[in-house]
PDB file of N, CA and C in Angstrom:
ATOM      1  N   MET A   1       9.601  19.594  -8.525  1.00  0.00           N
ATOM      2  CA  MET A   1       9.761  18.494  -7.791  1.00  0.00           C
ATOM      3  C   MET A   1      10.861  17.843  -8.845  1.00  0.00           C
ATOM      4  N   PRO A   2      12.257  17.956  -8.240  1.00  0.00           N
ATOM      5  CA  PRO A   2      13.415  17.045  -8.918  1.00  0.00           C
ATOM      6  C   PRO A   2      12.348  15.834  -8.768  1.00  0.00           C
ATOM      7  N   ILE A   3      13.142  14.833  -9.867  1.00  0.00           N
ATOM      8  CA  ILE A   3      12.734  13.662 -10.326  1.00  0.00           C
ATOM      9  C   ILE A   3      13.427  12.408  -8.965  1.00  0.00           C
ATOM     10  N   ARG A   4      14.281  12.703  -8.874  1.00  0.00           N
ATOM     11  CA  ARG A   4      14.979  12.286  -7.248  1.00  0.00           C
ATOM     12  C   ARG A   4      14.102  12.276  -6.592  1.00  0.00           C
ATOM     13  N   LEU A   5      13.875  13.071  -5.954  1.00  0.00           N
ATOM     14  CA  LEU A   5      13.380  14.006  -4.233  1.00  0.00           C
ATOM     15  C   LEU A   5      11.733  12.735  -5.001  1.00  0.00           C
ATOM     16  N   ARG A   6      11.462  13.416  -5.673  1.00  0.00           N
ATOM     17  CA  ARG A   6      10.441  12.412  -5.956  1.00  0.00           C
ATOM     18  C   ARG A   6      10.114  11.456  -5.689  1.00  0.00           C
ATOM     19  N   LYS A   7      10.789  10.312  -5.884  1.00  0.00           N
ATOM     20  CA  LYS A   7      11.355   8.822  -6.099  1.00  0.00           C
ATOM     21  C   LYS A   7      11.545   8.677  -4.505  1.00  0.00           C
ATOM     22  N   LEU A   8      12.559   9.459  -4.140  1.00  0.00           N
ATOM     23  CA  LEU A   8      13.030   8.870  -2.880  1.00  0.00           C
ATOM     24  C   LEU A   8      11.991   9.325  -1.937  1.00  0.00           C
ATOM     25  N   ILE A   9      11.094  10.128  -2.010  1.00  0.00           N
ATOM     26  CA  ILE A   9       9.551  10.024  -1.499  1.00  0.00           C
ATOM     27  C   ILE A   9       8.819   9.185  -1.358  1.00  0.00           C
ATOM     28  N   GLY A  10       8.282   8.830  -2.169  1.00  0.00           N
ATOM     29  CA  GLY A  10       7.968   7.764  -3.141  1.00  0.00           C
ATOM     30  C   GLY A  10       8.378   6.475  -2.625  1.00  0.00           C
ATOM     31  N   THR A  11       9.146   5.885  -2.098  1.00  0.00           N
ATOM     32  CA  THR A  11      10.266   4.858  -1.737  1.00  0.00           C
ATOM     33  C   THR A  11       9.496   4.604  -0.393  1.00  0.00           C
ATOM     34  N   ILE A  12       9.298   5.440   0.230  1.00  0.00           N
ATOM     35  CA  ILE A  12       9.552   5.724   1.422  1.00  0.00           C
ATOM     36  C   ILE A  12       8.275   5.343   1.915  1.00  0.00           C
ATOM     37  N   LEU A  13       7.404   5.946   1.138  1.00  0.00           N
ATOM     38  CA  LEU A  13       5.832   6.048   1.482  1.00  0.00           C
ATOM     39  C   LEU A  13       5.817   4.610   1.011  1.00  0.00           C
ATOM     40  N   LEU A  14       5.959   3.980  -0.211  1.00  0.00           N
ATOM     41  CA  LEU A  14       5.525   2.275   0.056  1.00  0.00           C
ATOM     42  C   LEU A  14       5.941   1.559   1.095  1.00  0.00           C
ATOM     43  N   VAL A  15       7.298   1.938   1.069  1.00  0.00           N
ATOM     44  CA  VAL A  15       7.567   0.810   2.150  1.00  0.00           C
ATOM     45  C   VAL A  15       7.114   0.663   3.718  1.00  0.00           C
ATOM     46  N   ALA A  16       6.960   2.183   4.152  1.00  0.00           N
ATOM     47  CA  ALA A  16       5.913   2.696   4.771  1.00  0.00           C
ATOM     48  C   ALA A  16       4.084   2.209   4.843  1.00  0.00           C
ATOM     49  N   LEU A  17       3.967   2.052   3.821  1.00  0.00           N
ATOM     50  CA  LEU A  17       2.359   1.545   3.886  1.00  0.00           C
ATOM     51  C   LEU A  17       2.939   0.289   3.936  1.00  0.00           C
ATOM     52  N   VAL A  18       3.554  -0.562   3.289  1.00  0.00           N
ATOM     53  CA  VAL A  18       3.490  -1.685   3.489  1.00  0.00           C
ATOM     54  C   VAL A  18       3.976  -2.064   4.879  1.00  0.00           C
ATOM     55  N   ILE A  19       4.325  -1.242   5.851  1.00  0.00           N
ATOM     56  CA  ILE A  19       5.002  -1.928   6.391  1.00  0.00           C
ATOM     57  C   ILE A  19       3.342  -1.469   8.183  1.00  0.00           C
ATOM     58  N   VAL A  20       3.176  -0.916   7.809  1.00  0.00           N
ATOM     59  CA  VAL A  20       1.392  -0.166   8.213  1.00  0.00           C
ATOM     60  C   VAL A  20       0.074  -0.599   8.423  1.00  0.00           C
ATOM     61  N   TYR A  21       0.191  -1.298   6.988  1.00  0.00           N
ATOM     62  CA  TYR A  21      -0.890  -2.188   6.353  1.00  0.00           C
ATOM     63  C   TYR A  21      -0.197  -3.324   6.942  1.00  0.00           C
ATOM     64  N   ALA A  22       0.579  -4.582   7.088  1.00  0.00           N
ATOM     65  CA  ALA A  22       0.132  -5.292   7.535  1.00  0.00           C
ATOM     66  C   ALA A  22       0.164  -5.512   8.916  1.00  0.00           C
ATOM     67  N   LEU A  23       0.828  -4.167  10.195  1.00  0.00           N
ATOM     68  CA  LEU A  23       0.802  -4.212  10.978  1.00  0.00           C
ATOM     69  C   LEU A  23      -0.834  -4.538  11.354  1.00  0.00           C
ATOM     70  N   VAL A  24      -1.485  -3.471  10.774  1.00  0.00           N
ATOM     71  CA  VAL A  24      -3.184  -3.100  10.919  1.00  0.00           C
ATOM     72  C   VAL A  24      -4.129  -4.714  10.739  1.00  0.00           C
ATOM     73  N   ALA A  25      -3.170  -5.120   9.233  1.00  0.00           N
ATOM     74  CA  ALA A  25      -3.699  -6.252   8.819  1.00  0.00           C
ATOM     75  C   ALA A  25      -3.859  -7.916   9.689  1.00  0.00           C
ATOM     76  N   SER A  26      -2.406  -7.682  10.485  1.00  0.00           N
ATOM     77  CA  SER A  26      -2.256  -8.769  11.210  1.00  0.00           C
ATOM     78  C   SER A  26      -3.645  -8.432  12.843  1.00  0.00           C
ATOM     79  N   ILE A  27      -2.840  -7.335  13.414  1.00  0.00           N
ATOM     80  CA  ILE A  27      -4.235  -7.124  13.658  1.00  0.00           C
ATOM     81  C   ILE A  27      -5.351  -6.653  14.210  1.00  0.00           C
ATOM     82  N   VAL A  28      -5.715  -6.985  13.366  1.00  0.00           N
ATOM     83  CA  VAL A  28      -8.024  -7.358  12.844  1.00  0.00           C
ATOM     84  C   VAL A  28      -7.863  -8.807  13.088  1.00  0.00           C
ATOM     85  N   ALA A  29      -7.001  -9.116  12.020  1.00  0.00           N
ATOM     86  CA  ALA A  29      -6.843 -10.582  11.836  1.00  0.00           C
ATOM     87  C   ALA A  29      -6.902 -11.219  13.023  1.00  0.00           C
ATOM     88  N   VAL A  30      -5.890 -11.377  14.199  1.00  0.00           N
ATOM     89  CA  VAL A  30      -5.854 -11.451  16.017  1.00  0.00           C
ATOM     90  C   VAL A  30      -6.728 -11.027  16.624  1.00  0.00           C
ATOM     91  N   ALA A  31      -7.317 -10.167  16.511  1.00  0.00           N
ATOM     92  CA  ALA A  31      -8.790  -9.863  17.267  1.00  0.00           C
ATOM     93  C   ALA A  31     -10.132  -9.918  16.438  1.00  0.00           C
ATOM     94  N   GLN A  32     -10.492  -9.908  15.421  1.00  0.00           N
ATOM     95  CA  GLN A  32     -11.731 -10.261  15.102  1.00  0.00           C
ATOM     96  C   GLN A  32     -11.951 -12.115  14.266  1.00  0.00           C
ATOM     97  N   LEU A  33     -10.713 -12.553  13.748  1.00  0.00           N
ATOM     98  CA  LEU A  33     -11.168 -14.055  13.135  1.00  0.00           C
ATOM     99  C   LEU A  33     -10.314 -15.077  14.126  1.00  0.00           C
ATOM    100  N   ALA A  34     -10.058 -15.010  15.821  1.00  0.00           N
ATOM    101  CA  ALA A  34      -9.672 -16.225  16.765  1.00  0.00           C
ATOM    102  C   ALA A  34     -10.264 -17.351  16.497  1.00  0.00           C
ATOM    103  N   GLU A  35     -12.024 -17.207  16.018  1.00  0.00           N
ATOM    104  CA  GLU A  35     -12.423 -18.222  16.057  1.00  0.00           C
ATOM    105  C   GLU A  35     -13.487 -18.562  15.057  1.00  0.00           C
ATOM    106  N   SER A  36     -13.015 -17.582  14.307  1.00  0.00           N
ATOM    107  CA  SER A  36     -13.544 -18.121  12.720  1.00  0.00           C
ATOM    108  C   SER A  36     -12.702 -18.954  11.975  1.00  0.00           C
ATOM    109  N   GLY A  37     -13.587 -19.568  11.432  1.00  0.00           N
ATOM    110  CA  GLY A  37     -12.949 -21.057  10.773  1.00  0.00           C
ATOM    111  C   GLY A  37     -12.241 -20.970   9.702  1.00  0.00           C
ATOM    112  N   PRO A  38     -11.105 -21.926   8.863  1.00  0.00           N
ATOM    113  CA  PRO A  38     -10.195 -21.428   7.901  1.00  0.00           C
ATOM    114  C   PRO A  38     -10.988 -21.054   6.495  1.00  0.00           C
ATOM    115  N   LEU A  39     -12.450 -20.862   6.380  1.00  0.00           N
ATOM    116  CA  LEU A  39     -12.854 -19.916   5.367  1.00  0.00           C
ATOM    117  C   LEU A  39     -13.146 -18.864   5.278  1.00  0.00           C
ATOM    118  N   ALA A  40     -12.992 -18.706   6.774  1.00  0.00           N
ATOM    119  CA  ALA A  40     -13.151 -17.198   6.718  1.00  0.00           C
ATOM    120  C   ALA A  40     -11.223 -16.374   7.030  1.00  0.00           C
ATOM    121  N   HIS A  41     -10.713 -17.378   7.242  1.00  0.00           N
ATOM    122  CA  HIS A  41      -9.404 -17.052   7.006  1.00  0.00           C
ATOM    123  C   HIS A  41      -8.628 -16.931   5.851  1.00  0.00           C
ATOM    124  N   PHE A  42      -9.216 -17.398   5.447  1.00  0.00           N
ATOM    125  CA  PHE A  42      -8.499 -17.072   3.530  1.00  0.00           C
ATOM    126  C   PHE A  42      -9.425 -16.443   3.169  1.00  0.00           C
ATOM    127  N   LEU A  43     -10.793 -16.382   3.076  1.00  0.00           N
ATOM    128  CA  LEU A  43     -11.090 -14.859   1.851  1.00  0.00           C
ATOM    129  C   LEU A  43     -10.690 -13.290   2.824  1.00  0.00           C
ATOM    130  N   PHE A  44     -10.388 -13.772   4.652  1.00  0.00           N
ATOM    131  CA  PHE A  44      -9.772 -12.534   4.668  1.00  0.00           C
ATOM    132  C   PHE A  44      -8.443 -12.017   4.741  1.00  0.00           C
ATOM    133  N   PHE A  45      -7.404 -13.151   4.284  1.00  0.00           N
ATOM    134  CA  PHE A  45      -6.336 -13.064   4.033  1.00  0.00           C
ATOM    135  C   PHE A  45      -5.650 -12.906   2.252  1.00  0.00           C
ATOM    136  N   LEU A  46      -7.356 -13.444   1.569  1.00  0.00           N
ATOM    137  CA  LEU A  46      -6.966 -13.089   0.705  1.00  0.00           C
ATOM    138  C   LEU A  46      -7.443 -11.705   0.121  1.00  0.00           C
ATOM    139  N   LEU A  47      -8.273 -11.021   0.519  1.00  0.00           N
ATOM    140  CA  LEU A  47      -8.572  -9.909   0.396  1.00  0.00           C
ATOM    141  C   LEU A  47      -7.975  -8.577   0.974  1.00  0.00           C
ATOM    142  N   SER A  48      -7.724  -8.686   1.966  1.00  0.00           N
ATOM    143  CA  SER A  48      -6.283  -7.547   2.616  1.00  0.00           C
ATOM    144  C   SER A  48      -4.746  -7.840   1.815  1.00  0.00           C
ATOM    145  N   GLY A  49      -4.920  -9.125   1.564  1.00  0.00           N
ATOM    146  CA  GLY A  49      -3.537  -9.505   0.344  1.00  0.00           C
ATOM    147  C   GLY A  49      -3.404  -8.847  -0.779  1.00  0.00           C
ATOM    148  N   MET A  50      -5.016  -8.269  -1.209  1.00  0.00           N
ATOM    149  CA  MET A  50      -4.809  -8.015  -2.425  1.00  0.00           C
ATOM    150  C   MET A  50      -5.535  -6.494  -2.173  1.00  0.00           C
ATOM    151  N   LEU A  51      -5.525  -5.575  -1.323  1.00  0.00           N
ATOM    152  CA  LEU A  51      -6.315  -4.308  -0.888  1.00  0.00           C
ATOM    153  C   LEU A  51      -5.214  -3.872  -0.816  1.00  0.00           C
ATOM    154  N   TRP A  52      -3.532  -3.743  -0.290  1.00  0.00           N
ATOM    155  CA  TRP A  52      -2.664  -2.523  -0.513  1.00  0.00           C
ATOM    156  C   TRP A  52      -2.014  -2.487  -1.410  1.00  0.00           C
ATOM    157  N   VAL A  53      -2.454  -3.216  -2.908  1.00  0.00           N
ATOM    158  CA  VAL A  53      -2.441  -2.926  -3.484  1.00  0.00           C
ATOM    159  C   VAL A  53      -2.695  -1.301  -4.376  1.00  0.00           C
ATOM    160  N   LEU A  54      -4.310  -1.161  -3.881  1.00  0.00           N
ATOM    161  CA  LEU A  54      -4.818   0.329  -4.062  1.00  0.00           C
ATOM    162  C   LEU A  54      -4.098   1.572  -3.841  1.00  0.00           C
ATOM    163  N   PRO A  55      -3.711   1.674  -2.802  1.00  0.00           N
ATOM    164  CA  PRO A  55      -2.979   2.863  -2.623  1.00  0.00           C
ATOM    165  C   PRO A  55      -1.266   2.974  -3.014  1.00  0.00           C
ATOM    166  N   ALA A  56      -0.818   1.530  -3.067  1.00  0.00           N
ATOM    167  CA  ALA A  56       0.112   1.407  -3.698  1.00  0.00           C
ATOM    168  C   ALA A  56       0.482   1.701  -5.272  1.00  0.00           C
ATOM    169  N   MET A  57      -0.402   1.546  -6.161  1.00  0.00           N
ATOM    170  CA  MET A  57      -0.914   2.181  -7.372  1.00  0.00           C
ATOM    171  C   MET A  57      -1.274   3.174  -7.080  1.00  0.00           C
ATOM    172  N   GLY A  58      -1.756   4.327  -6.327  1.00  0.00           N
ATOM    173  CA  GLY A  58      -1.809   5.370  -6.473  1.00  0.00           C
ATOM    174  C   GLY A  58      -0.287   6.317  -6.183  1.00  0.00           C
ATOM    175  N   ILE A  59       0.564   5.378  -5.049  1.00  0.00           N
ATOM    176  CA  ILE A  59       1.517   6.518  -5.108  1.00  0.00           C
ATOM    177  C   ILE A  59       2.931   6.376  -6.306  1.00  0.00           C
ATOM    178  N   ILE A  60       2.939   4.259  -6.692  1.00  0.00           N
ATOM    179  CA  ILE A  60       3.454   4.294  -7.739  1.00  0.00           C
ATOM    180  C   ILE A  60       3.036   5.369  -8.966  1.00  0.00           C
ATOM    181  N   LYS A  61       1.671   5.482  -9.461  1.00  0.00           N
ATOM    182  CA  LYS A  61       1.270   6.710 -10.552  1.00  0.00           C
ATOM    183  C   LYS A  61       1.523   7.852 -10.356  1.00  0.00           C
ATOM    184  N   TRP A  62       1.333   8.602  -8.776  1.00  0.00           N
ATOM    185  CA  TRP A  62       2.356   9.873  -8.953  1.00  0.00           C
ATOM    186  C   TRP A  62       3.611   9.616  -8.971  1.00  0.00           C
ATOM    187  N   LEU A  63       4.590   8.765  -8.631  1.00  0.00           N
ATOM    188  CA  LEU A  63       6.284   8.558  -9.207  1.00  0.00           C
ATOM    189  C   LEU A  63       6.207   8.804 -10.436  1.00  0.00           C
ATOM    190  N   ILE A  64       5.371   8.005 -11.362  1.00  0.00           N
ATOM    191  CA  ILE A  64       5.895   8.205 -12.978  1.00  0.00           C
ATOM    192  C   ILE A  64       5.466   9.501 -13.582  1.00  0.00           C
ATOM    193  N   LEU A  65       5.070  10.852 -12.818  1.00  0.00           N
ATOM    194  CA  LEU A  65       4.280  11.579 -13.844  1.00  0.00           C
ATOM    195  C   LEU A  65       5.308  11.990 -14.236  1.00  0.00           C
ATOM    196  N   GLU A  66       5.355  13.200 -14.885  1.00  0.00           N
ATOM    197  CA  GLU A  66       6.393  13.621 -15.899  1.00  0.00           C
ATOM    198  C   GLU A  66       6.056  14.909 -15.271  1.00  0.00           C
ATOM    199  N   PRO A  67       7.151  15.854 -14.678  1.00  0.00           N
ATOM    200  CA  PRO A  67       6.839  16.879 -14.111  1.00  0.00           C
ATOM    201  C   PRO A  67       7.148  18.122 -15.289  1.00  0.00           C
ATOM    202  N   PRO A  68       5.718  18.738 -15.543  1.00  0.00           N
ATOM    203  CA  PRO A  68       5.436  20.154 -16.384  1.00  0.00           C
ATOM    204  C   PRO A  68       6.377  21.002 -16.839  1.00  0.00           C
ATOM    205  N   ARG A  69       6.598  20.664 -18.380  1.00  0.00           N
ATOM    206  CA  ARG A  69       7.344  21.484 -18.943  1.00  0.00           C
ATOM    207  C   ARG A  69       6.926  23.051 -19.127  1.00  0.00           C
ATOM    208  N   PRO A  70       8.342  24.147 -18.823  1.00  0.00           N
ATOM    209  CA  PRO A  70       7.936  25.025 -18.871  1.00  0.00           C
ATOM    210  C   PRO A  70       7.402  25.919 -20.092  1.00  0.00           C
ATOM    211  N   LYS A  71       6.812  26.671 -20.384  1.00  0.00           N
ATOM    212  CA  LYS A  71       6.042  27.115 -21.461  1.00  0.00           C
ATOM    213  C   LYS A  71       6.893  28.524 -22.081  1.00  0.00           C
ATOM    214  N   ASN A  72       7.682  28.528 -23.256  1.00  0.00           N
ATOM    215  CA  ASN A  72       9.066  29.352 -23.567  1.00  0.00           C
ATOM    216  C   ASN A  72       7.862  30.286 -24.505  1.00  0.00           C
TER     217      ASN A  72
END
């Protein structure tokens, strides 16, 4: 796969990940934290704010992989 195509796909995946993750985290927060205290809000948003990094790291790792060189 050409590197330019890989970077295009990776960029689209990262943008989609951030949008979908933000929507899901917001829906969960509204549905589950409506009557919780400020500490629960803080902990939820701290955890959910850092959790999206794990799948993003996988996408970025895939982006920077060197294409295999053909054996001659």
